[in-house]
Amino acid sequence: EDAKTDRQRAYYHGVVLKTIALQARPNGVQFPLAVWKEHFRAEYLGHKTVTTKNPLTGKKVRRRVRVSTEDLGVRGYSQLIDRVSAFAATELGVTFPATFQQWEGMQVDPDTGEVIGV
């Protein structure tokens, strides 16, 4: 599966999460984009268990590691966008921009995935 595209990253950060941060007010409280990003990452991606060896003892060690959006390919990122958008629309009453032209010109930092200039 190919790596996710800059367009997916720009759309998720610059449209989906930004719109949620601007419109959603659960229990009358507004939260910043970073809070929503972590909430949906934890809710829909969760954690995975990684087994490694302790270099000092040689014993196997299991630990939970959070799954990052950077671990997703094109299909997985699309599914995340769809799930987050559907939840936001149905449960939070968020309405998203009608056209892609409203976000196409956004630039994305290739290292962090954050939208530049939003």
PDB file of N, CA and C in Angstrom:
ATOM      1  N   GLU A   1       0.849  -1.173   0.000  1.00  0.00           N
ATOM      2  CA  GLU A   1       0.000   0.000   0.000  1.00  0.00           C
ATOM      3  C   GLU A   1       0.896   1.239   0.000  1.00  0.00           C
ATOM      4  N   ASP A   2       0.583   2.176  -0.850  1.00  0.00           N
ATOM      5  CA  ASP A   2       1.380   3.396  -0.957  1.00  0.00           C
ATOM      6  C   ASP A   2       1.293   4.224   0.314  1.00  0.00           C
ATOM      7  N   ALA A   3       2.282   5.071   0.494  1.00  0.00           N
ATOM      8  CA  ALA A   3       2.244   6.002   1.622  1.00  0.00           C
ATOM      9  C   ALA A   3       1.091   6.968   1.411  1.00  0.00           C
ATOM     10  N   LYS A   4       0.557   7.454   2.525  1.00  0.00           N
ATOM     11  CA  LYS A   4      -0.561   8.400   2.393  1.00  0.00           C
ATOM     12  C   LYS A   4      -0.091   9.640   1.648  1.00  0.00           C
ATOM     13  N   THR A   5      -0.995  10.289   1.023  1.00  0.00           N
ATOM     14  CA  THR A   5      -0.648  11.452   0.221  1.00  0.00           C
ATOM     15  C   THR A   5      -0.682  12.725   1.045  1.00  0.00           C
ATOM     16  N   ASP A   6       0.014  13.725   0.554  1.00  0.00           N
ATOM     17  CA  ASP A   6      -0.040  15.031   1.204  1.00  0.00           C
ATOM     18  C   ASP A   6      -1.455  15.578   1.183  1.00  0.00           C
ATOM     19  N   ARG A   7      -2.211  15.246   0.149  1.00  0.00           N
ATOM     20  CA  ARG A   7      -3.597  15.717   0.060  1.00  0.00           C
ATOM     21  C   ARG A   7      -4.443  15.125   1.183  1.00  0.00           C
ATOM     22  N   GLN A   8      -4.255  13.864   1.506  1.00  0.00           N
ATOM     23  CA  GLN A   8      -4.995  13.263   2.616  1.00  0.00           C
ATOM     24  C   GLN A   8      -4.641  13.956   3.924  1.00  0.00           C
ATOM     25  N   ARG A   9      -3.358  14.151   4.133  1.00  0.00           N
ATOM     26  CA  ARG A   9      -2.886  14.800   5.349  1.00  0.00           C
ATOM     27  C   ARG A   9      -3.450  16.218   5.449  1.00  0.00           C
ATOM     28  N   ALA A  10      -3.396  16.953   4.337  1.00  0.00           N
ATOM     29  CA  ALA A  10      -3.912  18.329   4.317  1.00  0.00           C
ATOM     30  C   ALA A  10      -5.410  18.339   4.586  1.00  0.00           C
ATOM     31  N   TYR A  11      -6.121  17.409   3.995  1.00  0.00           N
ATOM     32  CA  TYR A  11      -7.569  17.361   4.189  1.00  0.00           C
ATOM     33  C   TYR A  11      -7.912  17.008   5.634  1.00  0.00           C
ATOM     34  N   TYR A  12      -7.239  16.009   6.198  1.00  0.00           N
ATOM     35  CA  TYR A  12      -7.539  15.591   7.567  1.00  0.00           C
ATOM     36  C   TYR A  12      -7.252  16.711   8.566  1.00  0.00           C
ATOM     37  N   HIS A  13      -6.076  17.315   8.461  1.00  0.00           N
ATOM     38  CA  HIS A  13      -5.708  18.368   9.409  1.00  0.00           C
ATOM     39  C   HIS A  13      -6.402  19.695   9.106  1.00  0.00           C
ATOM     40  N   GLY A  14      -6.400  20.087   7.833  1.00  0.00           N
ATOM     41  CA  GLY A  14      -6.863  21.418   7.469  1.00  0.00           C
ATOM     42  C   GLY A  14      -8.354  21.564   7.294  1.00  0.00           C
ATOM     43  N   VAL A  15      -9.036  20.457   7.058  1.00  0.00           N
ATOM     44  CA  VAL A  15     -10.486  20.537   6.887  1.00  0.00           C
ATOM     45  C   VAL A  15     -11.194  19.784   8.013  1.00  0.00           C
ATOM     46  N   VAL A  16     -10.959  18.485   8.112  1.00  0.00           N
ATOM     47  CA  VAL A  16     -11.714  17.664   9.061  1.00  0.00           C
ATOM     48  C   VAL A  16     -11.463  18.111  10.509  1.00  0.00           C
ATOM     49  N   LEU A  17     -10.216  18.029  10.957  1.00  0.00           N
ATOM     50  CA  LEU A  17      -9.931  18.377  12.349  1.00  0.00           C
ATOM     51  C   LEU A  17     -10.142  19.867  12.633  1.00  0.00           C
ATOM     52  N   LYS A  18      -9.776  20.709  11.677  1.00  0.00           N
ATOM     53  CA  LYS A  18      -9.967  22.149  11.876  1.00  0.00           C
ATOM     54  C   LYS A  18     -11.447  22.489  12.004  1.00  0.00           C
ATOM     55  N   THR A  19     -12.278  21.903  11.147  1.00  0.00           N
ATOM     56  CA  THR A  19     -13.716  22.163  11.195  1.00  0.00           C
ATOM     57  C   THR A  19     -14.317  21.660  12.502  1.00  0.00           C
ATOM     58  N   ILE A  20     -13.887  20.487  12.933  1.00  0.00           N
ATOM     59  CA  ILE A  20     -14.368  19.946  14.205  1.00  0.00           C
ATOM     60  C   ILE A  20     -13.978  20.891  15.349  1.00  0.00           C
ATOM     61  N   ALA A  21     -12.719  21.332  15.360  1.00  0.00           N
ATOM     62  CA  ALA A  21     -12.251  22.226  16.421  1.00  0.00           C
ATOM     63  C   ALA A  21     -13.025  23.538  16.441  1.00  0.00           C
ATOM     64  N   LEU A  22     -13.416  24.017  15.278  1.00  0.00           N
ATOM     65  CA  LEU A  22     -14.158  25.275  15.202  1.00  0.00           C
ATOM     66  C   LEU A  22     -15.629  25.131  15.573  1.00  0.00           C
ATOM     67  N   GLN A  23     -16.247  24.004  15.214  1.00  0.00           N
ATOM     68  CA  GLN A  23     -17.693  23.861  15.374  1.00  0.00           C
ATOM     69  C   GLN A  23     -18.145  23.038  16.578  1.00  0.00           C
ATOM     70  N   ALA A  24     -17.417  22.004  16.918  1.00  0.00           N
ATOM     71  CA  ALA A  24     -17.880  21.077  17.965  1.00  0.00           C
ATOM     72  C   ALA A  24     -17.778  21.708  19.345  1.00  0.00           C
ATOM     73  N   ARG A  25     -18.822  21.499  20.126  1.00  0.00           N
ATOM     74  CA  ARG A  25     -18.869  22.011  21.492  1.00  0.00           C
ATOM     75  C   ARG A  25     -19.552  20.982  22.404  1.00  0.00           C
ATOM     76  N   PRO A  26     -18.916  19.832  22.623  1.00  0.00           N
ATOM     77  CA  PRO A  26     -19.553  18.861  23.518  1.00  0.00           C
ATOM     78  C   PRO A  26     -19.686  19.439  24.923  1.00  0.00           C
ATOM     79  N   ASN A  27     -20.872  19.343  25.463  1.00  0.00           N
ATOM     80  CA  ASN A  27     -21.181  19.900  26.787  1.00  0.00           C
ATOM     81  C   ASN A  27     -20.837  21.383  26.878  1.00  0.00           C
ATOM     82  N   GLY A  28     -20.917  22.076  25.731  1.00  0.00           N
ATOM     83  CA  GLY A  28     -20.672  23.512  25.698  1.00  0.00           C
ATOM     84  C   GLY A  28     -19.213  23.929  25.731  1.00  0.00           C
ATOM     85  N   VAL A  29     -18.307  22.978  25.591  1.00  0.00           N
ATOM     86  CA  VAL A  29     -16.874  23.275  25.674  1.00  0.00           C
ATOM     87  C   VAL A  29     -16.221  23.092  24.301  1.00  0.00           C
ATOM     88  N   GLN A  30     -15.387  24.067  23.917  1.00  0.00           N
ATOM     89  CA  GLN A  30     -14.647  23.989  22.662  1.00  0.00           C
ATOM     90  C   GLN A  30     -13.231  23.494  22.957  1.00  0.00           C
ATOM     91  N   PHE A  31     -12.716  22.599  22.089  1.00  0.00           N
ATOM     92  CA  PHE A  31     -11.375  22.048  22.262  1.00  0.00           C
ATOM     93  C   PHE A  31     -10.529  22.363  21.039  1.00  0.00           C
ATOM     94  N   PRO A  32      -9.210  22.521  21.221  1.00  0.00           N
ATOM     95  CA  PRO A  32      -8.334  22.802  20.086  1.00  0.00           C
ATOM     96  C   PRO A  32      -8.129  21.573  19.194  1.00  0.00           C
ATOM     97  N   LEU A  33      -7.650  21.824  17.997  1.00  0.00           N
ATOM     98  CA  LEU A  33      -7.409  20.774  17.007  1.00  0.00           C
ATOM     99  C   LEU A  33      -6.550  19.651  17.581  1.00  0.00           C
ATOM    100  N   ALA A  34      -5.490  19.982  18.295  1.00  0.00           N
ATOM    101  CA  ALA A  34      -4.580  18.958  18.832  1.00  0.00           C
ATOM    102  C   ALA A  34      -5.299  17.986  19.767  1.00  0.00           C
ATOM    103  N   VAL A  35      -6.259  18.478  20.527  1.00  0.00           N
ATOM    104  CA  VAL A  35      -7.018  17.613  21.434  1.00  0.00           C
ATOM    105  C   VAL A  35      -7.889  16.654  20.634  1.00  0.00           C
ATOM    106  N   TRP A  36      -8.555  17.165  19.612  1.00  0.00           N
ATOM    107  CA  TRP A  36      -9.389  16.313  18.762  1.00  0.00           C
ATOM    108  C   TRP A  36      -8.528  15.288  18.023  1.00  0.00           C
ATOM    109  N   LYS A  37      -7.376  15.705  17.534  1.00  0.00           N
ATOM    110  CA  LYS A  37      -6.489  14.793  16.804  1.00  0.00           C
ATOM    111  C   LYS A  37      -6.105  13.606  17.689  1.00  0.00           C
ATOM    112  N   GLU A  38      -5.691  13.876  18.917  1.00  0.00           N
ATOM    113  CA  GLU A  38      -5.305  12.801  19.827  1.00  0.00           C
ATOM    114  C   GLU A  38      -6.510  11.953  20.236  1.00  0.00           C
ATOM    115  N   HIS A  39      -7.649  12.595  20.443  1.00  0.00           N
ATOM    116  CA  HIS A  39      -8.856  11.844  20.800  1.00  0.00           C
ATOM    117  C   HIS A  39      -9.206  10.816  19.718  1.00  0.00           C
ATOM    118  N   PHE A  40      -9.250  11.263  18.473  1.00  0.00           N
ATOM    119  CA  PHE A  40      -9.626  10.348  17.385  1.00  0.00           C
ATOM    120  C   PHE A  40      -8.535   9.321  17.103  1.00  0.00           C
ATOM    121  N   ARG A  41      -7.271   9.691  17.291  1.00  0.00           N
ATOM    122  CA  ARG A  41      -6.201   8.720  17.120  1.00  0.00           C
ATOM    123  C   ARG A  41      -6.364   7.596  18.137  1.00  0.00           C
ATOM    124  N   ALA A  42      -6.587   7.965  19.394  1.00  0.00           N
ATOM    125  CA  ALA A  42      -6.758   6.961  20.438  1.00  0.00           C
ATOM    126  C   ALA A  42      -8.032   6.142  20.228  1.00  0.00           C
ATOM    127  N   GLU A  43      -9.111   6.811  19.842  1.00  0.00           N
ATOM    128  CA  GLU A  43     -10.408   6.149  19.659  1.00  0.00           C
ATOM    129  C   GLU A  43     -10.401   5.153  18.496  1.00  0.00           C
ATOM    130  N   TYR A  44      -9.825   5.533  17.375  1.00  0.00           N
ATOM    131  CA  TYR A  44      -9.918   4.713  16.172  1.00  0.00           C
ATOM    132  C   TYR A  44      -8.651   3.932  15.831  1.00  0.00           C
ATOM    133  N   LEU A  45      -7.502   4.337  16.354  1.00  0.00           N
ATOM    134  CA  LEU A  45      -6.267   3.614  16.054  1.00  0.00           C
ATOM    135  C   LEU A  45      -5.743   2.839  17.253  1.00  0.00           C
ATOM    136  N   GLY A  46      -5.936   3.392  18.440  1.00  0.00           N
ATOM    137  CA  GLY A  46      -5.577   2.684  19.662  1.00  0.00           C
ATOM    138  C   GLY A  46      -4.097   2.429  19.838  1.00  0.00           C
ATOM    139  N   HIS A  47      -3.798   1.248  20.394  1.00  0.00           N
ATOM    140  CA  HIS A  47      -2.431   0.855  20.706  1.00  0.00           C
ATOM    141  C   HIS A  47      -2.140  -0.515  20.121  1.00  0.00           C
ATOM    142  N   LYS A  48      -0.866  -0.825  20.018  1.00  0.00           N
ATOM    143  CA  LYS A  48      -0.459  -2.177  19.652  1.00  0.00           C
ATOM    144  C   LYS A  48       0.552  -2.635  20.693  1.00  0.00           C
ATOM    145  N   THR A  49       0.664  -3.928  20.873  1.00  0.00           N
ATOM    146  CA  THR A  49       1.619  -4.481  21.821  1.00  0.00           C
ATOM    147  C   THR A  49       2.887  -4.857  21.075  1.00  0.00           C
ATOM    148  N   VAL A  50       4.011  -4.381  21.595  1.00  0.00           N
ATOM    149  CA  VAL A  50       5.305  -4.646  20.975  1.00  0.00           C
ATOM    150  C   VAL A  50       6.129  -5.458  21.955  1.00  0.00           C
ATOM    151  N   THR A  51       6.737  -6.527  21.456  1.00  0.00           N
ATOM    152  CA  THR A  51       7.602  -7.362  22.285  1.00  0.00           C
ATOM    153  C   THR A  51       9.046  -7.135  21.864  1.00  0.00           C
ATOM    154  N   THR A  52       9.869  -6.804  22.837  1.00  0.00           N
ATOM    155  CA  THR A  52      11.298  -6.611  22.588  1.00  0.00           C
ATOM    156  C   THR A  52      12.073  -7.341  23.674  1.00  0.00           C
ATOM    157  N   LYS A  53      13.379  -7.420  23.484  1.00  0.00           N
ATOM    158  CA  LYS A  53      14.229  -8.020  24.514  1.00  0.00           C
ATOM    159  C   LYS A  53      14.935  -6.917  25.274  1.00  0.00           C
ATOM    160  N   ASN A  54      14.958  -7.072  26.583  1.00  0.00           N
ATOM    161  CA  ASN A  54      15.721  -6.157  27.413  1.00  0.00           C
ATOM    162  C   ASN A  54      17.196  -6.459  27.171  1.00  0.00           C
ATOM    163  N   PRO A  55      17.982  -5.471  26.707  1.00  0.00           N
ATOM    164  CA  PRO A  55      19.382  -5.752  26.378  1.00  0.00           C
ATOM    165  C   PRO A  55      20.238  -6.093  27.609  1.00  0.00           C
ATOM    166  N   LEU A  56      19.787  -5.735  28.785  1.00  0.00           N
ATOM    167  CA  LEU A  56      20.567  -6.018  29.992  1.00  0.00           C
ATOM    168  C   LEU A  56      20.262  -7.381  30.577  1.00  0.00           C
ATOM    169  N   THR A  57      18.990  -7.799  30.487  1.00  0.00           N
ATOM    170  CA  THR A  57      18.604  -9.075  31.102  1.00  0.00           C
ATOM    171  C   THR A  57      18.358 -10.187  30.081  1.00  0.00           C
ATOM    172  N   GLY A  58      18.093  -9.811  28.835  1.00  0.00           N
ATOM    173  CA  GLY A  58      17.780 -10.804  27.818  1.00  0.00           C
ATOM    174  C   GLY A  58      16.347 -11.281  27.864  1.00  0.00           C
ATOM    175  N   LYS A  59      15.570 -10.765  28.820  1.00  0.00           N
ATOM    176  CA  LYS A  59      14.175 -11.174  28.955  1.00  0.00           C
ATOM    177  C   LYS A  59      13.302 -10.403  27.978  1.00  0.00           C
ATOM    178  N   LYS A  60      12.238 -11.080  27.560  1.00  0.00           N
ATOM    179  CA  LYS A  60      11.267 -10.424  26.684  1.00  0.00           C
ATOM    180  C   LYS A  60      10.440  -9.430  27.491  1.00  0.00           C
ATOM    181  N   VAL A  61      10.208  -8.282  26.880  1.00  0.00           N
ATOM    182  CA  VAL A  61       9.428  -7.231  27.513  1.00  0.00           C
ATOM    183  C   VAL A  61       8.302  -6.853  26.560  1.00  0.00           C
ATOM    184  N   ARG A  62       7.085  -6.809  27.072  1.00  0.00           N
ATOM    185  CA  ARG A  62       5.942  -6.388  26.262  1.00  0.00           C
ATOM    186  C   ARG A  62       5.488  -5.021  26.729  1.00  0.00           C
ATOM    187  N   ARG A  63       5.206  -4.150  25.769  1.00  0.00           N
ATOM    188  CA  ARG A  63       4.699  -2.833  26.132  1.00  0.00           C
ATOM    189  C   ARG A  63       3.718  -2.361  25.080  1.00  0.00           C
ATOM    190  N   ARG A  64       2.842  -1.473  25.518  1.00  0.00           N
ATOM    191  CA  ARG A  64       1.857  -0.895  24.605  1.00  0.00           C
ATOM    192  C   ARG A  64       2.461   0.339  23.941  1.00  0.00           C
ATOM    193  N   VAL A  65       2.278   0.437  22.638  1.00  0.00           N
ATOM    194  CA  VAL A  65       2.756   1.578  21.867  1.00  0.00           C
ATOM    195  C   VAL A  65       1.571   2.151  21.112  1.00  0.00           C
ATOM    196  N   ARG A  66       1.418   3.471  21.148  1.00  0.00           N
ATOM    197  CA  ARG A  66       0.295   4.074  20.444  1.00  0.00           C
ATOM    198  C   ARG A  66       0.513   3.954  18.945  1.00  0.00           C
ATOM    199  N   VAL A  67      -0.572   3.725  18.232  1.00  0.00           N
ATOM    200  CA  VAL A  67      -0.527   3.678  16.773  1.00  0.00           C
ATOM    201  C   VAL A  67      -0.656   5.115  16.277  1.00  0.00           C
ATOM    202  N   SER A  68       0.229   5.513  15.393  1.00  0.00           N
ATOM    203  CA  SER A  68       0.235   6.872  14.859  1.00  0.00           C
ATOM    204  C   SER A  68      -0.421   6.896  13.488  1.00  0.00           C
ATOM    205  N   THR A  69      -0.943   8.054  13.111  1.00  0.00           N
ATOM    206  CA  THR A  69      -1.461   8.197  11.749  1.00  0.00           C
ATOM    207  C   THR A  69      -0.329   8.017  10.740  1.00  0.00           C
ATOM    208  N   GLU A  70       0.912   8.232  11.169  1.00  0.00           N
ATOM    209  CA  GLU A  70       2.066   8.031  10.283  1.00  0.00           C
ATOM    210  C   GLU A  70       2.248   6.557   9.931  1.00  0.00           C
ATOM    211  N   ASP A  71       1.639   5.661  10.704  1.00  0.00           N
ATOM    212  CA  ASP A  71       1.721   4.224  10.435  1.00  0.00           C
ATOM    213  C   ASP A  71       0.712   3.786   9.369  1.00  0.00           C
ATOM    214  N   LEU A  72      -0.193   4.687   8.980  1.00  0.00           N
ATOM    215  CA  LEU A  72      -1.259   4.331   8.046  1.00  0.00           C
ATOM    216  C   LEU A  72      -0.834   4.512   6.600  1.00  0.00           C
ATOM    217  N   GLY A  73      -1.350   3.653   5.748  1.00  0.00           N
ATOM    218  CA  GLY A  73      -1.194   3.825   4.309  1.00  0.00           C
ATOM    219  C   GLY A  73      -2.397   4.593   3.773  1.00  0.00           C
ATOM    220  N   VAL A  74      -2.516   4.653   2.472  1.00  0.00           N
ATOM    221  CA  VAL A  74      -3.593   5.409   1.830  1.00  0.00           C
ATOM    222  C   VAL A  74      -4.963   4.905   2.268  1.00  0.00           C
ATOM    223  N   ARG A  75      -5.177   3.607   2.214  1.00  0.00           N
ATOM    224  CA  ARG A  75      -6.479   3.039   2.564  1.00  0.00           C
ATOM    225  C   ARG A  75      -6.815   3.280   4.040  1.00  0.00           C
ATOM    226  N   GLY A  76      -5.871   3.027   4.921  1.00  0.00           N
ATOM    227  CA  GLY A  76      -6.102   3.228   6.346  1.00  0.00           C
ATOM    228  C   GLY A  76      -6.376   4.683   6.694  1.00  0.00           C
ATOM    229  N   TYR A  77      -5.656   5.582   6.034  1.00  0.00           N
ATOM    230  CA  TYR A  77      -5.870   7.010   6.285  1.00  0.00           C
ATOM    231  C   TYR A  77      -7.244   7.426   5.786  1.00  0.00           C
ATOM    232  N   SER A  78      -7.652   6.901   4.640  1.00  0.00           N
ATOM    233  CA  SER A  78      -8.993   7.199   4.112  1.00  0.00           C
ATOM    234  C   SER A  78     -10.072   6.704   5.060  1.00  0.00           C
ATOM    235  N   GLN A  79      -9.885   5.513   5.606  1.00  0.00           N
ATOM    236  CA  GLN A  79     -10.861   4.975   6.552  1.00  0.00           C
ATOM    237  C   GLN A  79     -10.933   5.827   7.808  1.00  0.00           C
ATOM    238  N   LEU A  80      -9.783   6.304   8.289  1.00  0.00           N
ATOM    239  CA  LEU A  80      -9.779   7.180   9.458  1.00  0.00           C
ATOM    240  C   LEU A  80     -10.547   8.461   9.159  1.00  0.00           C
ATOM    241  N   ILE A  81     -10.274   9.083   8.022  1.00  0.00           N
ATOM    242  CA  ILE A  81     -10.972  10.311   7.632  1.00  0.00           C
ATOM    243  C   ILE A  81     -12.474  10.071   7.569  1.00  0.00           C
ATOM    244  N   ASP A  82     -12.880   8.972   6.961  1.00  0.00           N
ATOM    245  CA  ASP A  82     -14.307   8.654   6.843  1.00  0.00           C
ATOM    246  C   ASP A  82     -14.955   8.463   8.215  1.00  0.00           C
ATOM    247  N   ARG A  83     -14.292   7.726   9.093  1.00  0.00           N
ATOM    248  CA  ARG A  83     -14.860   7.452  10.416  1.00  0.00           C
ATOM    249  C   ARG A  83     -14.971   8.720  11.250  1.00  0.00           C
ATOM    250  N   VAL A  84     -13.909   9.529  11.234  1.00  0.00           N
ATOM    251  CA  VAL A  84     -13.913  10.776  12.011  1.00  0.00           C
ATOM    252  C   VAL A  84     -14.972  11.726  11.469  1.00  0.00           C
ATOM    253  N   SER A  85     -15.028  11.861  10.143  1.00  0.00           N
ATOM    254  CA  SER A  85     -16.016  12.762   9.523  1.00  0.00           C
ATOM    255  C   SER A  85     -17.436  12.323   9.834  1.00  0.00           C
ATOM    256  N   ALA A  86     -17.700  11.031   9.730  1.00  0.00           N
ATOM    257  CA  ALA A  86     -19.041  10.517  10.007  1.00  0.00           C
ATOM    258  C   ALA A  86     -19.426  10.757  11.465  1.00  0.00           C
ATOM    259  N   PHE A  87     -18.504  10.479  12.380  1.00  0.00           N
ATOM    260  CA  PHE A  87     -18.785  10.707  13.795  1.00  0.00           C
ATOM    261  C   PHE A  87     -19.062  12.185  14.052  1.00  0.00           C
ATOM    262  N   ALA A  88     -18.210  13.045  13.509  1.00  0.00           N
ATOM    263  CA  ALA A  88     -18.358  14.487  13.738  1.00  0.00           C
ATOM    264  C   ALA A  88     -19.698  14.989  13.205  1.00  0.00           C
ATOM    265  N   ALA A  89     -20.098  14.509  12.040  1.00  0.00           N
ATOM    266  CA  ALA A  89     -21.354  14.965  11.437  1.00  0.00           C
ATOM    267  C   ALA A  89     -22.563  14.449  12.219  1.00  0.00           C
ATOM    268  N   THR A  90     -22.552  13.171  12.579  1.00  0.00           N
ATOM    269  CA  THR A  90     -23.725  12.583  13.213  1.00  0.00           C
ATOM    270  C   THR A  90     -23.807  12.847  14.712  1.00  0.00           C
ATOM    271  N   GLU A  91     -22.685  12.812  15.399  1.00  0.00           N
ATOM    272  CA  GLU A  91     -22.696  12.931  16.854  1.00  0.00           C
ATOM    273  C   GLU A  91     -22.403  14.338  17.365  1.00  0.00           C
ATOM    274  N   LEU A  92     -21.669  15.122  16.578  1.00  0.00           N
ATOM    275  CA  LEU A  92     -21.288  16.461  17.033  1.00  0.00           C
ATOM    276  C   LEU A  92     -21.976  17.575  16.249  1.00  0.00           C
ATOM    277  N   GLY A  93     -22.704  17.210  15.185  1.00  0.00           N
ATOM    278  CA  GLY A  93     -23.409  18.205  14.382  1.00  0.00           C
ATOM    279  C   GLY A  93     -22.515  19.079  13.521  1.00  0.00           C
ATOM    280  N   VAL A  94     -21.324  18.599  13.210  1.00  0.00           N
ATOM    281  CA  VAL A  94     -20.369  19.366  12.410  1.00  0.00           C
ATOM    282  C   VAL A  94     -20.757  19.287  10.934  1.00  0.00           C
ATOM    283  N   THR A  95     -20.674  20.412  10.232  1.00  0.00           N
ATOM    284  CA  THR A  95     -20.883  20.435   8.786  1.00  0.00           C
ATOM    285  C   THR A  95     -19.575  20.814   8.125  1.00  0.00           C
ATOM    286  N   PHE A  96     -19.201  20.066   7.112  1.00  0.00           N
ATOM    287  CA  PHE A  96     -17.923  20.254   6.430  1.00  0.00           C
ATOM    288  C   PHE A  96     -18.103  21.046   5.143  1.00  0.00           C
ATOM    289  N   PRO A  97     -17.017  21.706   4.666  1.00  0.00           N
ATOM    290  CA  PRO A  97     -17.081  22.448   3.403  1.00  0.00           C
ATOM    291  C   PRO A  97     -17.564  21.546   2.273  1.00  0.00           C
ATOM    292  N   ALA A  98     -18.313  22.136   1.362  1.00  0.00           N
ATOM    293  CA  ALA A  98     -18.926  21.362   0.283  1.00  0.00           C
ATOM    294  C   ALA A  98     -17.963  21.028  -0.848  1.00  0.00           C
ATOM    295  N   THR A  99     -16.903  21.803  -1.022  1.00  0.00           N
ATOM    296  CA  THR A  99     -16.031  21.571  -2.175  1.00  0.00           C
ATOM    297  C   THR A  99     -14.585  21.387  -1.754  1.00  0.00           C
ATOM    298  N   PHE A 100     -13.873  20.592  -2.551  1.00  0.00           N
ATOM    299  CA  PHE A 100     -12.452  20.372  -2.312  1.00  0.00           C
ATOM    300  C   PHE A 100     -11.622  21.608  -2.655  1.00  0.00           C
ATOM    301  N   GLN A 101     -12.134  22.490  -3.502  1.00  0.00           N
ATOM    302  CA  GLN A 101     -11.388  23.683  -3.885  1.00  0.00           C
ATOM    303  C   GLN A 101     -11.064  24.539  -2.658  1.00  0.00           C
ATOM    304  N   GLN A 102     -11.845  24.418  -1.617  1.00  0.00           N
ATOM    305  CA  GLN A 102     -11.626  25.221  -0.420  1.00  0.00           C
ATOM    306  C   GLN A 102     -10.373  24.806   0.337  1.00  0.00           C
ATOM    307  N   TRP A 103      -9.832  23.633   0.069  1.00  0.00           N
ATOM    308  CA  TRP A 103      -8.643  23.198   0.803  1.00  0.00           C
ATOM    309  C   TRP A 103      -7.490  22.763  -0.085  1.00  0.00           C
ATOM    310  N   GLU A 104      -7.674  22.729  -1.394  1.00  0.00           N
ATOM    311  CA  GLU A 104      -6.641  22.187  -2.277  1.00  0.00           C
ATOM    312  C   GLU A 104      -5.294  22.894  -2.201  1.00  0.00           C
ATOM    313  N   GLY A 105      -5.266  24.198  -1.950  1.00  0.00           N
ATOM    314  CA  GLY A 105      -4.008  24.924  -1.964  1.00  0.00           C
ATOM    315  C   GLY A 105      -3.189  24.814  -0.690  1.00  0.00           C
ATOM    316  N   MET A 106      -3.644  24.065   0.290  1.00  0.00           N
ATOM    317  CA  MET A 106      -2.934  23.971   1.564  1.00  0.00           C
ATOM    318  C   MET A 106      -1.632  23.207   1.409  1.00  0.00           C
ATOM    319  N   GLN A 107      -0.628  23.603   2.177  1.00  0.00           N
ATOM    320  CA  GLN A 107       0.655  22.918   2.180  1.00  0.00           C
ATOM    321  C   GLN A 107       0.803  22.141   3.471  1.00  0.00           C
ATOM    322  N   VAL A 108       1.515  21.014   3.385  1.00  0.00           N
ATOM    323  CA  VAL A 108       1.677  20.140   4.544  1.00  0.00           C
ATOM    324  C   VAL A 108       3.150  19.958   4.848  1.00  0.00           C
ATOM    325  N   ASP A 109       3.500  20.074   6.115  1.00  0.00           N
ATOM    326  CA  ASP A 109       4.869  19.810   6.541  1.00  0.00           C
ATOM    327  C   ASP A 109       5.115  18.314   6.403  1.00  0.00           C
ATOM    328  N   PRO A 110       6.082  17.886   5.580  1.00  0.00           N
ATOM    329  CA  PRO A 110       6.292  16.449   5.349  1.00  0.00           C
ATOM    330  C   PRO A 110       6.771  15.688   6.580  1.00  0.00           C
ATOM    331  N   ASP A 111       7.367  16.382   7.539  1.00  0.00           N
ATOM    332  CA  ASP A 111       7.863  15.703   8.723  1.00  0.00           C
ATOM    333  C   ASP A 111       6.803  15.503   9.786  1.00  0.00           C
ATOM    334  N   THR A 112       5.945  16.510   9.983  1.00  0.00           N
ATOM    335  CA  THR A 112       4.966  16.441  11.068  1.00  0.00           C
ATOM    336  C   THR A 112       3.555  16.115  10.604  1.00  0.00           C
ATOM    337  N   GLY A 113       3.262  16.366   9.318  1.00  0.00           N
ATOM    338  CA  GLY A 113       1.917  16.154   8.827  1.00  0.00           C
ATOM    339  C   GLY A 113       0.993  17.300   9.113  1.00  0.00           C
ATOM    340  N   GLU A 114       1.493  18.347   9.744  1.00  0.00           N
ATOM    341  CA  GLU A 114       0.668  19.502  10.060  1.00  0.00           C
ATOM    342  C   GLU A 114       0.504  20.398   8.839  1.00  0.00           C
ATOM    343  N   VAL A 115      -0.645  21.021   8.750  1.00  0.00           N
ATOM    344  CA  VAL A 115      -0.919  21.943   7.663  1.00  0.00           C
ATOM    345  C   VAL A 115      -0.233  23.268   7.970  1.00  0.00           C
ATOM    346  N   ILE A 116       0.465  23.804   6.979  1.00  0.00           N
ATOM    347  CA  ILE A 116       1.190  25.057   7.137  1.00  0.00           C
ATOM    348  C   ILE A 116       0.288  26.209   6.734  1.00  0.00           C
ATOM    349  N   GLY A 117       0.233  27.211   7.565  1.00  0.00           N
ATOM    350  CA  GLY A 117      -0.520  28.419   7.249  1.00  0.00           C
ATOM    351  C   GLY A 117      -2.008  28.317   7.486  1.00  0.00           C
ATOM    352  N   VAL A 118      -2.437  27.394   8.317  1.00  0.00           N
ATOM    353  CA  VAL A 118      -3.874  27.280   8.629  1.00  0.00           C
ATOM    354  C   VAL A 118      -4.126  27.894   9.973  1.00  0.00           C
TER     355      VAL A 118
END
